Amino acid sequence: MTTYLAKRLIQGVIVLVLVSMVCFAMFRFTGDPVVMLAGKDATYEEREQIRVAYGLDRPVYEQYLSFLKGAMQGDFGKSYVSKIDALDTILERFPATFELAVTAMCISFVLGVGLGVIVSISPNGVISRMIMAGSLVGISIPTFLIGILLVMFFSVHLNILPSFGRGDTVQIGFWRTGLLTLSGWQHILLPALTLSGYQLAVLIRLTRAGMRETLSEEYIKTAWAKGLSPAKVILKHALRNVMIPVVTIAGLSFGELIAFSIVTETIFQWPGMGNLLLTSIFETDQPIIVTYIMLAAFIILSINILVDLLYALLNPRIRYE
């Protein structure tokens, strides 16, 4: 296990270095940062002073080594717009995005696995056919359209849930949470349902396919013949063997929910990292964009490693040498 974990960590470091190269290229070669820092009306002398002050007059390899050294220390520069440290600006928005992703993942995982099991037990039932039809709709409809429809139904017609914002929050140390207030739960429901729509549909279909195949295995027939209860046969013997691919997809989806919830956060004006990224793209705020990409890569790599470690818990036959 230790050797395997060390190998994965080394691979992760290599991937992060490659991502840093991409970020550096974007940071230096997709536009002159001096124009943003000095302004369009700055004189040539003022621009040259800023170029020297930020080290932009040095050779490219020196600039990259300086960027890599700063990134290893968590220093990605300051926002061109707010003049605040880029990493601090991102981390300030991180709790909102993380809580939204966790809520969406809980909804999609619990409902996806539960409904997938129900459909696999009675595949030809009316309810099962309705669930599968609904999953097809969830896969086919774009996220932004799901969000708009939810707002129209629950906020405009029924007027029972708010359509934007995060609601009341509570500060606990460095973490600002909305999950400890009624207003926070009311505000998070619609964006979480929107964000979980596609993953929910995928998990339903994946669980159904795995359960249908597993329930036809000989050891499941033996378990039925022994007179075991349906709950023990389905949940302990069948579902446990289906959980490895389900956990894999859920883990990958969770990383994507954290890193790429831009559309949902924009629709509901959710004050998270995705909304900040979209604003930074419009304003060409390169330090914020680069910091977001590096943080997203780190989160996705970390989640992938954790998912791999979960395999050994789900299936004792899996051993990492």
Protein backbone atom coordinates (compact mmCIF):
# COMPACT_ATOMS: atom_id res chain seq x y z
CA MET A 1 0.00 0.00 0.00
CA THR A 2 2.80 2.41 0.93
CA THR A 3 4.67 1.74 -2.31
CA TYR A 4 1.52 2.19 -4.38
CA LEU A 5 0.65 5.43 -2.59
CA ALA A 6 4.18 6.76 -3.12
CA LYS A 7 3.94 5.98 -6.85
CA ARG A 8 0.60 7.76 -7.12
CA LEU A 9 1.95 10.80 -5.30
CA ILE A 10 4.94 10.96 -7.65
CA GLN A 11 2.60 10.70 -10.64
CA GLY A 12 0.48 13.47 -9.14
CA VAL A 13 3.50 15.73 -8.74
CA ILE A 14 4.48 15.14 -12.38
CA VAL A 15 0.96 15.99 -13.53
CA LEU A 16 0.94 19.17 -11.44
CA VAL A 17 4.29 20.22 -12.96
CA LEU A 18 2.86 19.70 -16.45
CA VAL A 19 -0.22 21.70 -15.50
CA SER A 20 2.05 24.45 -14.16
CA MET A 21 3.78 24.59 -17.56
CA VAL A 22 0.43 25.04 -19.28
CA CYS A 23 -0.55 27.69 -16.75
CA PHE A 24 2.75 29.52 -17.21
CA ALA A 25 2.36 29.50 -20.98
CA MET A 26 -1.16 30.88 -20.64
CA PHE A 27 0.00 33.40 -18.06
CA ARG A 28 2.85 34.71 -20.23
CA PHE A 29 1.98 34.09 -23.89
CA THR A 30 -1.78 34.61 -24.24
CA GLY A 31 -1.51 38.33 -23.59
CA ASP A 32 0.82 40.91 -22.16
CA PRO A 33 0.15 41.19 -18.41
CA VAL A 34 1.82 44.60 -18.40
CA VAL A 35 -1.17 46.02 -20.28
CA MET A 36 -3.50 44.88 -17.51
CA LEU A 37 -1.19 46.01 -14.72
CA ALA A 38 -0.33 49.42 -16.15
CA GLY A 39 -3.52 50.17 -18.03
CA LYS A 40 -4.04 50.98 -21.69
CA ASP A 41 -3.19 54.64 -21.21
CA ALA A 42 0.20 54.04 -19.56
CA THR A 43 3.31 55.43 -21.21
CA TYR A 44 6.13 53.29 -22.53
CA GLU A 45 8.35 54.20 -19.57
CA GLU A 46 5.62 53.21 -17.07
CA ARG A 47 5.13 49.86 -18.79
CA GLU A 48 8.87 49.16 -18.76
CA GLN A 49 9.04 49.95 -15.04
CA ILE A 50 6.28 47.43 -14.33
CA ARG A 51 7.94 44.88 -16.61
CA VAL A 52 11.18 45.16 -14.61
CA ALA A 53 9.34 45.18 -11.25
CA TYR A 54 7.52 41.91 -12.02
CA GLY A 55 10.56 40.26 -13.61
CA LEU A 56 8.97 40.09 -17.06
CA ASP A 57 12.20 41.32 -18.66
CA ARG A 58 14.08 38.16 -17.61
CA PRO A 59 14.56 35.06 -19.83
CA VAL A 60 11.59 32.74 -20.14
CA TYR A 61 13.17 29.86 -18.20
CA GLU A 62 13.95 32.19 -15.27
CA GLN A 63 10.38 33.44 -15.30
CA TYR A 64 9.07 29.86 -15.22
CA LEU A 65 11.36 28.81 -12.35
CA SER A 66 10.26 31.87 -10.41
CA PHE A 67 6.61 31.05 -11.15
CA LEU A 68 7.12 27.40 -10.10
CA LYS A 69 8.84 28.43 -6.88
CA GLY A 70 6.02 30.81 -6.05
CA ALA A 71 3.38 28.17 -6.89
CA MET A 72 5.03 25.65 -4.55
CA GLN A 73 4.73 28.24 -1.78
CA GLY A 74 1.13 29.10 -2.67
CA ASP A 75 2.07 32.42 -4.26
CA PHE A 76 0.35 32.85 -7.63
CA GLY A 77 0.51 36.62 -7.65
CA LYS A 78 -2.15 39.22 -7.03
CA SER A 79 -5.39 39.75 -8.89
CA TYR A 80 -5.11 42.41 -11.57
CA VAL A 81 -8.54 43.74 -10.66
CA SER A 82 -8.78 43.58 -6.85
CA LYS A 83 -5.01 43.67 -6.15
CA ILE A 84 -5.58 40.91 -3.56
CA ASP A 85 -3.62 37.65 -3.40
CA ALA A 86 -5.09 35.30 -6.02
CA LEU A 87 -5.02 32.17 -3.85
CA ASP A 88 -6.71 33.96 -0.95
CA THR A 89 -9.41 35.19 -3.32
CA ILE A 90 -10.05 31.65 -4.60
CA LEU A 91 -10.02 30.06 -1.12
CA GLU A 92 -12.51 32.64 0.11
CA ARG A 93 -14.97 31.30 -2.47
CA PHE A 94 -14.03 27.63 -1.96
CA PRO A 95 -16.45 26.83 0.95
CA ALA A 96 -19.48 27.85 -1.13
CA THR A 97 -18.42 25.68 -4.07
CA PHE A 98 -17.43 22.74 -1.87
CA GLU A 99 -20.74 22.72 0.02
CA LEU A 100 -22.68 22.94 -3.23
CA ALA A 101 -20.67 20.05 -4.73
CA VAL A 102 -21.06 17.89 -1.60
CA THR A 103 -24.82 18.47 -1.49
CA ALA A 104 -25.17 17.70 -5.20
CA MET A 105 -23.01 14.59 -4.86
CA CYS A 106 -25.06 13.30 -1.91
CA ILE A 107 -28.27 13.79 -3.87
CA SER A 108 -26.96 12.09 -7.00
CA PHE A 109 -25.26 9.20 -5.15
CA VAL A 110 -28.08 8.32 -2.75
CA LEU A 111 -30.86 8.67 -5.31
CA GLY A 112 -28.80 7.26 -8.18
CA VAL A 113 -27.79 4.07 -6.38
CA GLY A 114 -31.19 3.66 -4.69
CA LEU A 115 -33.21 4.14 -7.85
CA GLY A 116 -30.77 2.00 -9.83
CA VAL A 117 -31.30 -0.89 -7.42
CA ILE A 118 -35.09 -0.49 -7.61
CA VAL A 119 -35.02 -0.50 -11.40
CA SER A 120 -32.77 -3.59 -11.52
CA ILE A 121 -35.12 -5.59 -9.25
CA SER A 122 -38.21 -4.86 -11.30
CA PRO A 123 -36.98 -3.81 -14.77
CA ASN A 124 -40.35 -4.12 -16.51
CA GLY A 125 -42.46 -2.31 -13.92
CA VAL A 126 -44.20 0.98 -14.63
CA ILE A 127 -42.20 2.82 -11.99
CA SER A 128 -38.95 1.41 -13.35
CA ARG A 129 -39.79 2.53 -16.86
CA MET A 130 -40.62 6.02 -15.57
CA ILE A 131 -37.31 6.18 -13.69
CA MET A 132 -35.33 5.13 -16.77
CA ALA A 133 -37.19 7.64 -18.92
CA GLY A 134 -36.39 10.33 -16.37
CA SER A 135 -32.70 9.35 -16.37
CA LEU A 136 -32.63 9.69 -20.16
CA VAL A 137 -34.09 13.17 -19.82
CA GLY A 138 -31.46 14.04 -17.21
CA ILE A 139 -28.67 13.01 -19.56
CA SER A 140 -30.14 14.77 -22.58
CA ILE A 141 -31.13 18.17 -21.16
CA PRO A 142 -28.29 20.70 -20.69
CA THR A 143 -27.52 21.84 -17.16
CA PHE A 144 -28.47 25.45 -17.77
CA LEU A 145 -31.91 24.43 -19.03
CA ILE A 146 -32.51 22.25 -15.95
CA GLY A 147 -31.63 25.22 -13.75
CA ILE A 148 -33.97 27.56 -15.61
CA LEU A 149 -36.85 25.06 -15.43
CA LEU A 150 -36.33 24.57 -11.69
CA VAL A 151 -36.33 28.32 -11.13
CA MET A 152 -39.51 28.75 -13.16
CA PHE A 153 -41.32 25.98 -11.26
CA PHE A 154 -40.13 26.36 -7.65
CA SER A 155 -39.32 30.07 -7.54
CA VAL A 156 -41.69 31.73 -10.01
CA HIS A 157 -44.81 29.54 -9.98
CA LEU A 158 -44.72 28.00 -6.50
CA ASN A 159 -42.61 30.71 -4.85
CA ILE A 160 -41.26 28.32 -2.21
CA LEU A 161 -37.50 28.43 -2.91
CA PRO A 162 -35.18 31.39 -3.64
CA SER A 163 -33.74 31.65 -7.12
CA PHE A 164 -30.31 33.16 -6.39
CA GLY A 165 -27.72 33.80 -3.70
CA ARG A 166 -26.41 31.70 -0.83
CA GLY A 167 -28.61 32.86 2.02
CA ASP A 168 -27.51 33.39 5.62
CA THR A 169 -24.09 31.99 6.54
CA VAL A 170 -22.22 31.22 9.75
CA GLN A 171 -18.49 31.80 10.24
CA ILE A 172 -16.69 28.84 11.87
CA GLY A 173 -12.97 29.60 12.00
CA PHE A 174 -11.82 30.15 8.43
CA TRP A 175 -14.89 28.38 7.00
CA ARG A 176 -18.10 30.22 6.15
CA THR A 177 -20.99 27.78 5.88
CA GLY A 178 -24.62 28.09 4.92
CA LEU A 179 -25.54 24.54 5.98
CA LEU A 180 -26.25 25.59 9.57
CA THR A 181 -29.08 27.98 8.69
CA LEU A 182 -32.54 27.40 7.27
CA SER A 183 -31.97 30.14 4.72
CA GLY A 184 -28.75 28.45 3.60
CA TRP A 185 -30.55 25.14 2.98
CA GLN A 186 -33.34 26.89 1.09
CA HIS A 187 -30.83 28.62 -1.18
CA ILE A 188 -28.68 25.54 -1.86
CA LEU A 189 -31.45 23.14 -2.89
CA LEU A 190 -32.12 24.40 -6.41
CA PRO A 191 -28.47 24.77 -7.51
CA ALA A 192 -27.64 21.40 -5.93
CA LEU A 193 -30.50 19.71 -7.80
CA THR A 194 -29.36 21.39 -11.01
CA LEU A 195 -25.75 20.36 -10.53
CA SER A 196 -26.65 16.76 -9.63
CA GLY A 197 -28.97 16.18 -12.60
CA TYR A 198 -26.50 14.65 -15.04
CA GLN A 199 -24.57 12.63 -12.42
CA LEU A 200 -27.85 11.31 -11.00
CA ALA A 201 -28.93 10.00 -14.39
CA VAL A 202 -25.53 8.39 -15.04
CA LEU A 203 -25.44 6.66 -11.64
CA ILE A 204 -28.97 5.29 -12.10
CA ARG A 205 -28.10 3.70 -15.43
CA LEU A 206 -24.69 2.48 -14.24
CA THR A 207 -26.11 0.90 -11.07
CA ARG A 208 -28.94 -0.71 -13.03
CA ALA A 209 -26.58 -2.24 -15.58
CA GLY A 210 -24.23 -3.57 -12.90
CA MET A 211 -27.04 -4.97 -10.75
CA ARG A 212 -28.74 -6.69 -13.70
CA GLU A 213 -25.49 -8.46 -14.55
CA THR A 214 -24.64 -9.34 -10.94
CA LEU A 215 -28.10 -10.67 -10.08
CA SER A 216 -27.72 -13.31 -12.79
CA GLU A 217 -24.48 -14.67 -11.32
CA GLU A 218 -24.35 -18.17 -9.82
CA TYR A 219 -23.35 -17.02 -6.33
CA ILE A 220 -26.45 -14.80 -6.17
CA LYS A 221 -28.62 -17.77 -7.14
CA THR A 222 -26.89 -19.77 -4.41
CA ALA A 223 -27.63 -17.02 -1.89
CA TRP A 224 -31.32 -17.12 -2.84
CA ALA A 225 -31.30 -20.92 -2.57
CA LYS A 226 -29.88 -20.71 0.96
CA GLY A 227 -32.94 -18.73 1.97
CA LEU A 228 -31.17 -15.45 2.73
CA SER A 229 -33.36 -12.39 3.06
CA PRO A 230 -33.81 -10.17 -0.04
CA ALA A 231 -32.13 -7.26 1.73
CA LYS A 232 -29.01 -9.33 2.48
CA VAL A 233 -28.81 -10.79 -1.02
CA ILE A 234 -29.31 -7.48 -2.80
CA LEU A 235 -27.44 -5.10 -0.53
CA LYS A 236 -24.64 -7.27 0.87
CA HIS A 237 -23.89 -9.71 -1.95
CA ALA A 238 -24.98 -7.96 -5.15
CA LEU A 239 -24.68 -4.22 -4.52
CA ARG A 240 -21.26 -4.46 -2.88
CA ASN A 241 -19.77 -5.94 -6.05
CA VAL A 242 -21.38 -3.21 -8.15
CA MET A 243 -20.03 -0.37 -6.03
CA ILE A 244 -16.49 -0.26 -7.47
CA PRO A 245 -17.46 1.21 -10.88
CA VAL A 246 -20.13 3.33 -9.17
CA VAL A 247 -17.61 4.77 -6.70
CA THR A 248 -15.18 5.41 -9.57
CA ILE A 249 -17.70 7.45 -11.52
CA ALA A 250 -18.93 9.18 -8.36
CA GLY A 251 -15.38 10.15 -7.38
CA LEU A 252 -14.57 11.54 -10.80
CA SER A 253 -17.91 13.36 -10.85
CA PHE A 254 -17.26 14.89 -7.43
CA GLY A 255 -13.99 16.40 -8.65
CA GLU A 256 -15.75 17.77 -11.70
CA LEU A 257 -18.56 19.20 -9.56
CA ILE A 258 -16.04 21.14 -7.49
CA ALA A 259 -13.90 22.32 -10.38
CA PHE A 260 -16.46 22.90 -13.13
CA SER A 261 -19.70 24.14 -11.56
CA ILE A 262 -19.42 27.36 -13.56
CA VAL A 263 -22.77 27.19 -15.36
CA THR A 264 -24.79 26.36 -12.24
CA GLU A 265 -23.11 29.02 -10.13
CA THR A 266 -23.73 31.61 -12.84
CA ILE A 267 -27.43 30.76 -13.19
CA PHE A 268 -28.08 30.99 -9.45
CA GLN A 269 -25.51 33.73 -8.73
CA TRP A 270 -23.86 31.37 -6.29
CA PRO A 271 -20.79 33.08 -4.75
CA GLY A 272 -18.38 30.24 -5.48
CA MET A 273 -15.18 29.65 -7.43
CA GLY A 274 -16.95 28.98 -10.72
CA ASN A 275 -18.73 32.32 -10.69
CA LEU A 276 -15.43 34.02 -9.83
CA LEU A 277 -13.66 32.21 -12.69
CA LEU A 278 -16.21 33.36 -15.25
CA THR A 279 -15.89 36.95 -14.05
CA SER A 280 -12.08 36.68 -14.19
CA ILE A 281 -12.21 35.38 -17.77
CA PHE A 282 -14.28 38.37 -18.84
CA GLU A 283 -11.84 40.71 -17.07
CA THR A 284 -8.72 38.81 -18.29
CA ASP A 285 -7.59 38.45 -14.69
CA GLN A 286 -4.87 35.90 -15.41
CA PRO A 287 -3.61 35.22 -11.84
CA ILE A 288 -7.12 34.18 -10.77
CA ILE A 289 -7.53 31.92 -13.82
CA VAL A 290 -4.13 30.26 -13.30
CA THR A 291 -4.75 29.73 -9.57
CA TYR A 292 -8.15 28.18 -10.31
CA ILE A 293 -6.66 25.74 -12.83
CA MET A 294 -3.87 24.66 -10.47
CA LEU A 295 -6.26 24.22 -7.54
CA ALA A 296 -8.74 22.27 -9.69
CA ALA A 297 -5.97 19.94 -10.88
CA PHE A 298 -4.84 19.35 -7.28
CA ILE A 299 -8.40 18.59 -6.11
CA ILE A 300 -9.11 16.14 -8.95
CA LEU A 301 -5.80 14.32 -8.44
CA SER A 302 -6.41 14.04 -4.68
CA ILE A 303 -9.91 12.66 -5.17
CA ASN A 304 -8.67 10.09 -7.70
CA ILE A 305 -6.09 8.81 -5.19
CA LEU A 306 -8.73 8.56 -2.46
CA VAL A 307 -11.06 6.65 -4.80
CA ASP A 308 -8.30 4.15 -5.58
CA LEU A 309 -7.74 3.60 -1.86
CA LEU A 310 -11.46 3.00 -1.35
CA TYR A 311 -11.32 0.02 -3.72
CA ALA A 312 -9.49 -2.03 -1.09
CA LEU A 313 -12.28 -1.31 1.40
CA LEU A 314 -15.04 -2.25 -1.02
CA ASN A 315 -13.34 -5.39 -2.29
CA PRO A 316 -10.91 -7.16 0.10
CA ARG A 317 -9.47 -9.12 -2.82
CA ILE A 318 -7.86 -5.94 -4.16
CA ARG A 319 -4.34 -5.50 -2.84
CA TYR A 320 -1.92 -2.71 -3.74
CA GLU A 321 1.65 -3.92 -3.87
